[in-house]
Each structure stands twice: as C-alpha cells, then as structure tokens.
C-alpha cells in the first residue's frame, strides 16, 4: 500500500497486514510528531498526486535494488498533535539486513523528493520545517 491520508494511521493493523509466510523480517519505521522545543502541533501539506507517484517510484526502486518482498508507505497530512503518527514505512524481506537497508533508503529518498511540507506551531509562533510550501 502506498498512500497519503488524513486519517489516523493504524500501525498495528498495517503491520499485521504486511506479514507473509516467507518473510523473516518486517522492518518498520514510525515517524511521529515530537515536542521539539515547545511544538504544540504540526500541519502537513502535500501535492498529493505527485507525492503518491513519487512514493510509488521510491517503492519500485527499492524493490528492484534490494532483496525485499514488499513495501508499504503511508504518510499523513493535515493537523497532527504531538505523539501522532506522521509516517509509517513497512519493509518485508526474507532477512533483516536487506529490509533495514531498503527502509533507510526509502526514508532518506522520501525526505529528498516527495512534495510534503511541514509547519510547526508553537505558542510564540510558527515555522516551516523544510522551507515554505509552494504558493505561500
């Protein structure tokens, strides 16, 4: 599954759904909103059609370049509070080494190329985390 959602990500259900009989490893990465110096909430925006296509391309590259069996990526957008899940990446493989390597590749590439923007809100103000969203 590759998706951008406004809904709460059910990590447990997604991990269970990702399991396959031949997999010896499921590596998961769960990114959450953290209280980074007084953050109260975070707004996430995406150019959704392009973001999904880029996530699919990242998955396809990981499937080609690593000995893995599956990749699931769900990224949340909208308003999230501290502690809520932003991103879930699940990589399934026969063995852990390739699953970890592919997971790291996916997360690094996602941060570089997927059009998703984060804005942190504090009591004293707000700031874009990785530059301002287009059109602002």
Protein backbone atom coordinates (compact mmCIF):
# COMPACT_ATOMS: atom_id res chain seq x y z
CA UNK A 1 0.00 0.00 0.00
CA UNK A 2 1.18 3.46 -0.91
CA UNK A 3 -0.99 6.33 0.28
CA UNK A 4 -1.38 9.84 1.56
CA UNK A 5 -4.13 10.05 4.18
CA UNK A 6 -5.85 12.46 6.52
CA UNK A 7 -6.90 9.57 8.75
CA UNK A 8 -5.13 8.23 11.82
CA UNK A 9 -2.64 5.53 10.77
CA UNK A 10 -3.43 2.18 12.40
CA UNK A 11 0.15 0.92 12.71
CA UNK A 12 -0.75 -2.40 14.33
CA UNK A 13 -3.27 -3.33 11.63
CA UNK A 14 -0.88 -2.34 8.86
CA UNK A 15 1.98 -4.38 10.33
CA UNK A 16 -0.28 -7.44 10.65
CA UNK A 17 -1.50 -7.00 7.06
CA UNK A 18 2.10 -6.78 5.78
CA UNK A 19 3.12 -10.19 7.16
CA UNK A 20 3.69 -13.01 4.64
CA UNK A 21 4.68 -16.64 5.31
CA UNK A 22 8.08 -16.39 3.58
CA UNK A 23 9.18 -13.21 5.35
CA UNK A 24 11.67 -13.50 8.16
CA UNK A 25 11.83 -9.73 8.66
CA UNK A 26 9.41 -6.84 8.82
CA UNK A 27 11.26 -3.60 9.41
CA UNK A 28 9.00 -0.72 10.40
CA UNK A 29 9.66 2.96 10.73
CA UNK A 30 7.09 5.07 12.51
CA UNK A 31 7.66 8.83 12.37
CA UNK A 32 5.78 10.85 14.98
CA UNK A 33 5.22 14.50 15.82
CA UNK A 34 7.65 15.35 18.60
CA UNK A 35 7.72 18.21 21.06
CA UNK A 36 10.82 19.80 19.63
CA UNK A 37 11.25 22.88 21.78
CA UNK A 38 7.61 23.63 22.51
CA UNK A 39 5.85 22.29 19.40
CA UNK A 40 2.11 22.10 20.08
CA UNK A 41 1.01 20.72 16.72
CA UNK A 42 2.13 20.28 13.14
CA UNK A 43 0.39 20.93 9.84
CA UNK A 44 1.39 18.77 6.88
CA UNK A 45 0.56 19.62 3.28
CA UNK A 46 1.23 17.60 0.17
CA UNK A 47 0.91 17.84 -3.58
CA UNK A 48 -0.92 14.54 -3.26
CA UNK A 49 -0.97 13.18 -6.83
CA UNK A 50 2.73 13.85 -7.29
CA UNK A 51 3.55 12.63 -3.78
CA UNK A 52 1.85 9.28 -4.40
CA UNK A 53 3.61 8.86 -7.77
CA UNK A 54 6.97 9.65 -6.15
CA UNK A 55 6.31 7.22 -3.28
CA UNK A 56 5.46 4.53 -5.85
CA UNK A 57 8.71 5.26 -7.72
CA UNK A 58 10.68 5.02 -4.47
CA UNK A 59 8.99 1.70 -3.68
CA UNK A 60 9.70 0.38 -7.18
CA UNK A 61 13.38 1.33 -6.94
CA UNK A 62 13.69 -0.29 -3.50
CA UNK A 63 12.03 -3.47 -4.79
CA UNK A 64 14.45 -3.56 -7.72
CA UNK A 65 17.65 -2.70 -5.83
CA UNK A 66 17.19 -4.63 -2.57
CA UNK A 67 16.29 -8.27 -1.89
CA UNK A 68 12.92 -7.42 -0.35
CA UNK A 69 9.41 -8.75 -0.86
CA UNK A 70 7.15 -5.82 0.00
CA UNK A 71 7.00 -2.11 0.80
CA UNK A 72 4.12 -0.21 2.39
CA UNK A 73 4.27 3.56 2.87
CA UNK A 74 1.54 5.69 4.43
CA UNK A 75 2.07 9.41 5.04
CA UNK A 76 -0.42 11.53 6.90
CA UNK A 77 -1.34 15.12 6.10
CA UNK A 78 -3.48 17.64 7.93
CA UNK A 79 -3.24 18.84 11.53
CA UNK A 80 -1.45 16.48 13.94
CA UNK A 81 -0.73 16.75 17.64
CA UNK A 82 2.45 15.76 19.47
CA UNK A 83 2.68 11.97 19.58
CA UNK A 84 0.59 11.30 16.48
CA UNK A 85 2.00 9.19 13.65
CA UNK A 86 3.08 11.09 10.54
CA UNK A 87 4.68 8.30 8.54
CA UNK A 88 4.69 4.52 8.53
CA UNK A 89 7.11 2.56 6.35
CA UNK A 90 7.00 -1.25 6.43
CA UNK A 91 9.56 -3.29 4.51
CA UNK A 92 9.21 -7.07 4.29
CA UNK A 93 12.07 -9.39 3.35
CA UNK A 94 13.42 -12.85 3.88
CA UNK A 95 16.20 -11.45 6.07
CA UNK A 96 16.70 -8.35 8.21
CA UNK A 97 19.83 -6.89 6.59
CA UNK A 98 18.17 -6.07 3.26
CA UNK A 99 14.98 -4.93 4.97
CA UNK A 100 16.91 -2.43 7.12
CA UNK A 101 18.94 -1.17 4.15
CA UNK A 102 15.84 -0.73 2.00
CA UNK A 103 13.98 1.02 4.82
CA UNK A 104 16.79 3.51 5.26
CA UNK A 105 16.91 4.16 1.51
CA UNK A 106 13.13 4.71 1.38
CA UNK A 107 13.07 7.17 4.29
CA UNK A 108 16.08 9.14 3.04
CA UNK A 109 14.71 9.34 -0.52
CA UNK A 110 11.24 10.29 0.69
CA UNK A 111 12.63 13.28 2.58
CA UNK A 112 14.56 14.38 -0.54
CA UNK A 113 11.94 14.05 -3.26
CA UNK A 114 8.34 13.76 -2.07
CA UNK A 115 6.41 17.07 -2.12
CA UNK A 116 5.23 17.11 1.50
CA UNK A 117 5.72 20.19 3.68
CA UNK A 118 5.65 20.51 7.48
CA UNK A 119 4.80 23.56 9.51
CA UNK A 120 5.33 23.53 13.28
CA UNK A 121 3.14 25.59 15.58
CA UNK A 122 4.37 26.95 18.92
CA UNK A 123 2.71 29.24 21.46
CA UNK A 124 5.01 32.02 20.25
CA UNK A 125 4.60 31.45 16.53
CA UNK A 126 5.10 29.02 13.69
CA UNK A 127 7.75 27.93 11.20
CA UNK A 128 8.08 25.82 8.08
CA UNK A 129 10.38 22.89 8.87
CA UNK A 130 11.88 22.37 5.41
CA UNK A 131 11.21 25.59 3.60
CA UNK A 132 7.90 27.14 2.80
CA UNK A 133 5.19 25.34 0.87
CA UNK A 134 4.73 26.47 -2.74
CA UNK A 135 2.31 29.34 -3.25
CA UNK A 136 2.96 30.83 0.18
